[in-house]
N, C-alpha and C. Protein backbone atom coordinates (compact mmCIF):
# COMPACT_ATOMS: atom_id res chain seq x y z
N MET A 1 13.22 -4.25 -6.56
CA MET A 1 14.78 -3.87 -6.02
C MET A 1 14.19 -3.08 -4.52
N MET A 2 14.30 -2.90 -3.52
CA MET A 2 14.25 -2.04 -1.93
C MET A 2 15.24 -1.27 -1.59
N ILE A 3 15.68 0.13 -1.40
CA ILE A 3 17.02 1.00 -1.33
C ILE A 3 16.29 1.75 -0.13
N ARG A 4 17.62 1.32 0.63
CA ARG A 4 17.41 2.35 1.93
C ARG A 4 17.20 3.74 1.92
N ASN A 5 16.68 4.40 2.12
CA ASN A 5 17.36 6.68 2.17
C ASN A 5 17.00 6.77 3.49
N GLY A 6 17.94 6.63 4.18
CA GLY A 6 17.79 7.49 5.46
C GLY A 6 17.21 6.96 6.20
N GLY A 7 16.11 7.12 6.58
CA GLY A 7 14.81 6.47 7.78
C GLY A 7 14.12 5.87 5.91
N ASN A 8 14.29 6.04 5.11
CA ASN A 8 12.41 5.78 4.02
C ASN A 8 13.35 4.08 3.29
N CYS A 9 12.54 3.52 2.86
CA CYS A 9 12.50 2.73 1.82
C CYS A 9 12.41 3.65 0.57
N GLU A 10 13.03 3.29 -0.61
CA GLU A 10 12.39 3.26 -1.94
C GLU A 10 12.09 2.43 -2.69
N MET A 11 11.01 2.03 -3.08
CA MET A 11 11.03 1.00 -4.27
C MET A 11 11.36 1.22 -5.54
N VAL A 12 12.57 0.41 -6.24
CA VAL A 12 13.21 1.20 -7.48
C VAL A 12 12.54 -0.51 -8.20
N LEU A 13 12.27 -0.46 -9.45
CA LEU A 13 11.90 -1.44 -10.27
C LEU A 13 13.51 -0.85 -11.14
N ILE A 14 14.06 -2.48 -12.17
CA ILE A 14 15.27 -1.97 -12.81
C ILE A 14 15.24 -3.06 -13.65
N GLU A 15 15.29 -2.66 -14.88
CA GLU A 15 15.83 -3.11 -16.22
C GLU A 15 16.76 -3.35 -17.18
N CYS A 16 17.79 -4.22 -16.91
CA CYS A 16 19.34 -4.37 -17.26
C CYS A 16 19.16 -4.83 -18.76
N LYS A 17 19.89 -3.97 -19.13
CA LYS A 17 20.75 -3.99 -20.85
C LYS A 17 21.74 -4.19 -21.17
N GLY A 18 22.22 -5.40 -21.17
CA GLY A 18 23.49 -5.79 -22.04
C GLY A 18 23.73 -4.87 -23.11
N GLY A 19 25.17 -4.51 -23.25
CA GLY A 19 25.51 -4.28 -24.95
C GLY A 19 25.16 -2.80 -25.38
N LYS A 20 24.62 -2.61 -26.49
CA LYS A 20 23.91 -1.32 -26.77
C LYS A 20 22.78 -1.08 -26.70
N LEU A 21 21.64 0.13 -25.67
CA LEU A 21 20.90 0.12 -25.55
C LEU A 21 19.77 1.02 -27.42
N ASN A 22 18.92 0.39 -27.83
CA ASN A 22 18.52 0.99 -29.53
C ASN A 22 17.20 0.99 -29.27
N LEU A 23 16.58 2.15 -29.64
CA LEU A 23 15.24 2.25 -29.67
C LEU A 23 14.12 1.06 -29.21
N GLY A 24 14.97 -0.20 -30.18
CA GLY A 24 13.54 -1.25 -30.08
C GLY A 24 14.14 -1.86 -28.50
N ASP A 25 15.06 -1.73 -27.76
CA ASP A 25 15.69 -2.24 -26.72
C ASP A 25 14.63 -1.05 -25.60
N PHE A 26 14.98 -0.07 -25.74
CA PHE A 26 14.21 1.11 -24.89
C PHE A 26 12.97 0.79 -25.51
N LYS A 27 12.06 0.86 -26.28
CA LYS A 27 10.59 0.68 -26.27
C LYS A 27 10.28 -0.93 -25.32
N ASP A 28 10.96 -1.73 -25.34
CA ASP A 28 10.96 -2.92 -24.66
C ASP A 28 10.97 -2.78 -23.44
N ALA A 29 12.01 -2.78 -22.78
CA ALA A 29 12.27 -2.47 -21.32
C ALA A 29 11.02 -1.35 -21.11
N LYS A 30 10.99 -0.61 -21.64
CA LYS A 30 9.69 0.78 -21.01
C LYS A 30 8.46 -0.55 -21.38
N GLU A 31 8.23 -0.97 -21.80
CA GLU A 31 6.99 -1.20 -21.81
C GLU A 31 6.83 -2.78 -20.56
N GLN A 32 8.21 -3.34 -20.74
CA GLN A 32 8.14 -4.56 -19.40
C GLN A 32 8.17 -3.49 -17.73
N LEU A 33 8.71 -2.54 -17.85
CA LEU A 33 8.44 -1.77 -16.43
C LEU A 33 7.00 -1.13 -16.56
N GLU A 34 6.12 -0.86 -17.48
CA GLU A 34 5.28 -0.19 -17.03
C GLU A 34 4.75 -1.90 -16.86
N TYR A 35 4.28 -2.65 -17.92
CA TYR A 35 4.24 -4.12 -16.51
C TYR A 35 4.08 -3.63 -15.04
N SER A 36 5.00 -4.04 -14.89
CA SER A 36 5.53 -4.06 -13.93
C SER A 36 5.27 -2.71 -13.05
N VAL A 37 5.17 -1.73 -13.29
CA VAL A 37 4.36 -0.21 -12.41
C VAL A 37 2.78 -0.61 -12.30
N ASP A 38 2.29 -1.34 -13.12
CA ASP A 38 1.10 -1.87 -12.74
C ASP A 38 0.75 -3.43 -11.86
N PHE A 39 1.82 -3.77 -12.12
CA PHE A 39 2.18 -5.34 -11.50
C PHE A 39 1.86 -4.40 -9.48
N VAL A 40 2.48 -4.18 -9.45
CA VAL A 40 3.14 -3.23 -8.30
C VAL A 40 1.69 -3.03 -7.86
N LYS A 41 1.14 -1.93 -8.23
CA LYS A 41 0.10 -0.80 -7.92
C LYS A 41 -1.60 -1.49 -7.66
N THR A 42 -1.53 -3.15 -8.12
CA THR A 42 -2.64 -4.35 -7.93
C THR A 42 -2.26 -4.56 -7.13
N ALA A 43 -0.54 -5.02 -6.98
CA ALA A 43 -1.07 -5.99 -5.80
C ALA A 43 -0.47 -5.08 -4.18
N PHE A 44 -0.02 -4.47 -4.00
CA PHE A 44 0.05 -3.68 -2.91
C PHE A 44 -0.17 -2.36 -3.40
N ASP A 45 -1.22 -1.70 -3.78
CA ASP A 45 -1.51 -0.50 -4.17
C ASP A 45 -0.94 0.50 -3.74
N ASP A 46 0.22 0.77 -4.39
CA ASP A 46 1.29 1.62 -4.64
C ASP A 46 2.06 1.63 -5.73
N VAL A 47 2.48 2.32 -6.00
CA VAL A 47 3.92 1.81 -7.09
C VAL A 47 4.80 2.99 -6.64
N PRO A 48 6.13 2.63 -7.63
CA PRO A 48 7.38 2.71 -6.77
C PRO A 48 7.41 3.40 -7.34
N ASP A 49 9.41 3.98 -6.83
CA ASP A 49 9.43 5.44 -6.43
C ASP A 49 10.31 5.69 -8.35
N LEU A 50 11.00 4.80 -8.79
CA LEU A 50 11.26 5.41 -9.19
C LEU A 50 11.67 3.85 -10.36
N ALA A 51 12.07 3.92 -11.81
CA ALA A 51 12.20 2.68 -12.85
C ALA A 51 13.74 3.19 -13.69
N VAL A 52 14.75 2.25 -13.47
CA VAL A 52 15.65 2.62 -14.34
C VAL A 52 16.17 1.52 -14.89
N ILE A 53 16.41 2.30 -15.95
CA ILE A 53 16.96 0.85 -17.25
C ILE A 53 18.64 1.41 -17.26
N CYS A 54 19.26 0.10 -16.88
CA CYS A 54 20.43 0.44 -17.25
C CYS A 54 21.47 -0.27 -18.36
N TYR A 55 22.11 0.53 -18.85
CA TYR A 55 22.43 0.00 -19.86
C TYR A 55 23.65 0.31 -20.32
N GLU A 56 24.86 -0.83 -20.85
CA GLU A 56 26.80 -0.32 -21.26
C GLU A 56 26.68 0.72 -22.35
N ARG A 57 25.98 0.36 -23.16
CA ARG A 57 26.39 1.75 -24.35
C ARG A 57 25.25 2.22 -24.79
N VAL A 58 24.73 3.46 -25.26
CA VAL A 58 23.42 4.07 -25.70
C VAL A 58 23.45 4.49 -27.06
N SER A 59 22.22 4.31 -27.88
CA SER A 59 22.42 4.54 -29.22
C SER A 59 22.01 5.51 -29.34
N ASP A 60 23.01 6.38 -30.46
CA ASP A 60 22.51 8.18 -30.12
C ASP A 60 20.98 8.58 -30.61
N ILE A 61 19.67 7.85 -30.71
CA ILE A 61 19.17 8.16 -31.41
C ILE A 61 17.83 8.54 -30.15
N ILE A 62 18.30 7.80 -29.12
CA ILE A 62 17.19 8.12 -27.52
C ILE A 62 18.01 9.19 -27.21
N LEU A 63 19.42 9.43 -27.54
CA LEU A 63 20.06 10.91 -27.19
C LEU A 63 19.13 11.72 -27.46
N ARG A 64 19.34 12.21 -28.74
CA ARG A 64 18.95 12.34 -29.72
C ARG A 64 17.11 13.08 -29.63
N ARG A 65 16.83 12.07 -29.36
CA ARG A 65 15.37 11.92 -28.62
C ARG A 65 14.84 12.45 -26.99
N ASN A 66 15.71 12.37 -26.87
CA ASN A 66 15.69 13.39 -25.63
C ASN A 66 14.61 12.32 -24.68
N LEU A 67 14.90 10.82 -24.45
CA LEU A 67 13.74 9.92 -23.37
C LEU A 67 14.39 9.37 -22.74
N LEU A 68 15.36 9.82 -21.77
CA LEU A 68 16.44 9.70 -21.14
C LEU A 68 15.20 10.21 -19.51
N ASN A 69 14.71 10.87 -19.65
CA ASN A 69 13.32 11.13 -18.36
C ASN A 69 12.64 11.54 -18.85
N GLU A 70 11.63 10.04 -18.55
CA GLU A 70 10.18 10.08 -19.05
C GLU A 70 9.87 9.49 -17.30
N ARG A 71 8.31 9.93 -18.36
CA ARG A 71 7.31 9.03 -17.13
C ARG A 71 6.59 7.71 -17.12
N LEU A 72 6.23 7.29 -16.35
CA LEU A 72 5.36 5.70 -17.22
C LEU A 72 4.06 6.21 -16.30
N ARG A 73 3.34 4.80 -16.59
CA ARG A 73 1.84 5.37 -16.12
C ARG A 73 2.20 5.27 -14.49
N HIS A 74 1.03 5.90 -13.45
CA HIS A 74 1.13 6.51 -12.76
C HIS A 74 1.79 7.20 -11.92
N GLY A 75 3.06 7.78 -12.59
CA GLY A 75 3.64 9.07 -13.18
C GLY A 75 5.04 8.59 -12.41
N VAL A 76 5.62 7.39 -12.32
CA VAL A 76 5.94 6.63 -11.88
C VAL A 76 7.66 7.34 -12.68
N ARG A 77 8.93 7.84 -12.19
CA ARG A 77 9.86 8.41 -12.79
C ARG A 77 10.78 7.11 -13.49
N LEU A 78 11.51 7.49 -14.86
CA LEU A 78 11.54 6.67 -15.63
C LEU A 78 13.09 7.36 -15.89
N ILE A 79 14.21 6.46 -15.39
CA ILE A 79 15.93 7.08 -16.32
C ILE A 79 16.04 5.95 -16.28
N LEU A 80 17.38 6.79 -17.40
CA LEU A 80 18.79 5.33 -17.71
C LEU A 80 19.66 6.00 -17.00
N MET A 81 20.75 4.58 -16.85
CA MET A 81 21.43 5.03 -16.08
C MET A 81 23.00 4.28 -16.59
N GLN A 82 24.12 4.33 -16.66
CA GLN A 82 24.56 3.06 -17.50
C GLN A 82 25.31 2.67 -16.02
N VAL A 83 25.71 1.18 -16.61
CA VAL A 83 26.02 0.31 -15.26
C VAL A 83 26.96 0.77 -14.87
N LYS A 84 28.07 1.21 -15.57
CA LYS A 84 29.61 1.66 -14.38
C LYS A 84 29.56 2.90 -13.59
N ASP A 85 28.35 3.56 -13.50
CA ASP A 85 28.18 5.10 -13.62
C ASP A 85 28.19 4.08 -11.55
N GLU A 86 29.60 4.73 -11.29
CA GLU A 86 29.56 4.40 -9.57
C GLU A 86 28.69 5.03 -8.08
N ARG A 87 28.03 6.17 -9.38
CA ARG A 87 27.48 6.97 -7.90
C ARG A 87 26.66 6.33 -6.95
N TYR A 88 25.50 6.04 -8.21
CA TYR A 88 24.18 4.92 -7.51
C TYR A 88 24.26 3.67 -7.80
N ALA A 89 23.33 2.41 -6.40
CA ALA A 89 23.63 2.03 -6.40
C ALA A 89 22.36 0.32 -7.29
N TYR A 90 22.35 1.35 -8.18
CA TYR A 90 21.00 0.91 -8.95
C TYR A 90 21.50 -0.69 -9.77
N CYS A 91 22.23 -0.28 -10.72
CA CYS A 91 22.76 -1.28 -11.53
C CYS A 91 23.55 -2.03 -11.39
N ARG A 92 24.36 -1.99 -10.23
CA ARG A 92 24.56 -3.15 -9.87
C ARG A 92 24.57 -5.04 -9.64
N ILE A 93 23.21 -4.76 -9.71
CA ILE A 93 22.31 -5.92 -9.36
C ILE A 93 22.69 -6.29 -10.94
N CYS A 94 22.83 -5.73 -12.36
CA CYS A 94 23.16 -6.24 -13.16
C CYS A 94 24.23 -7.01 -14.03
N ARG A 95 25.42 -6.46 -13.02
CA ARG A 95 26.83 -6.61 -13.18
C ARG A 95 27.10 -8.15 -13.59
């Protein structure tokens, strides 16, 4: 997804998860996003600005392990965002 940010454009990878995001779902989504980061790097010789996992509910173990703000390969920042969070447009495609 390309998001316009002022005069710039950001490339954002998004993985949607309906229902509750458990540890297994998190690991699968992270693996898929890392694969996508590698693909973008190979195809465009650049990396995305951000990777987002959108969820409806999140398992407590993810919160306890502080997995919310990690980095993927090539230093791409990974964040988790609740689908209903209206502050950002990232998860609109998940609805």
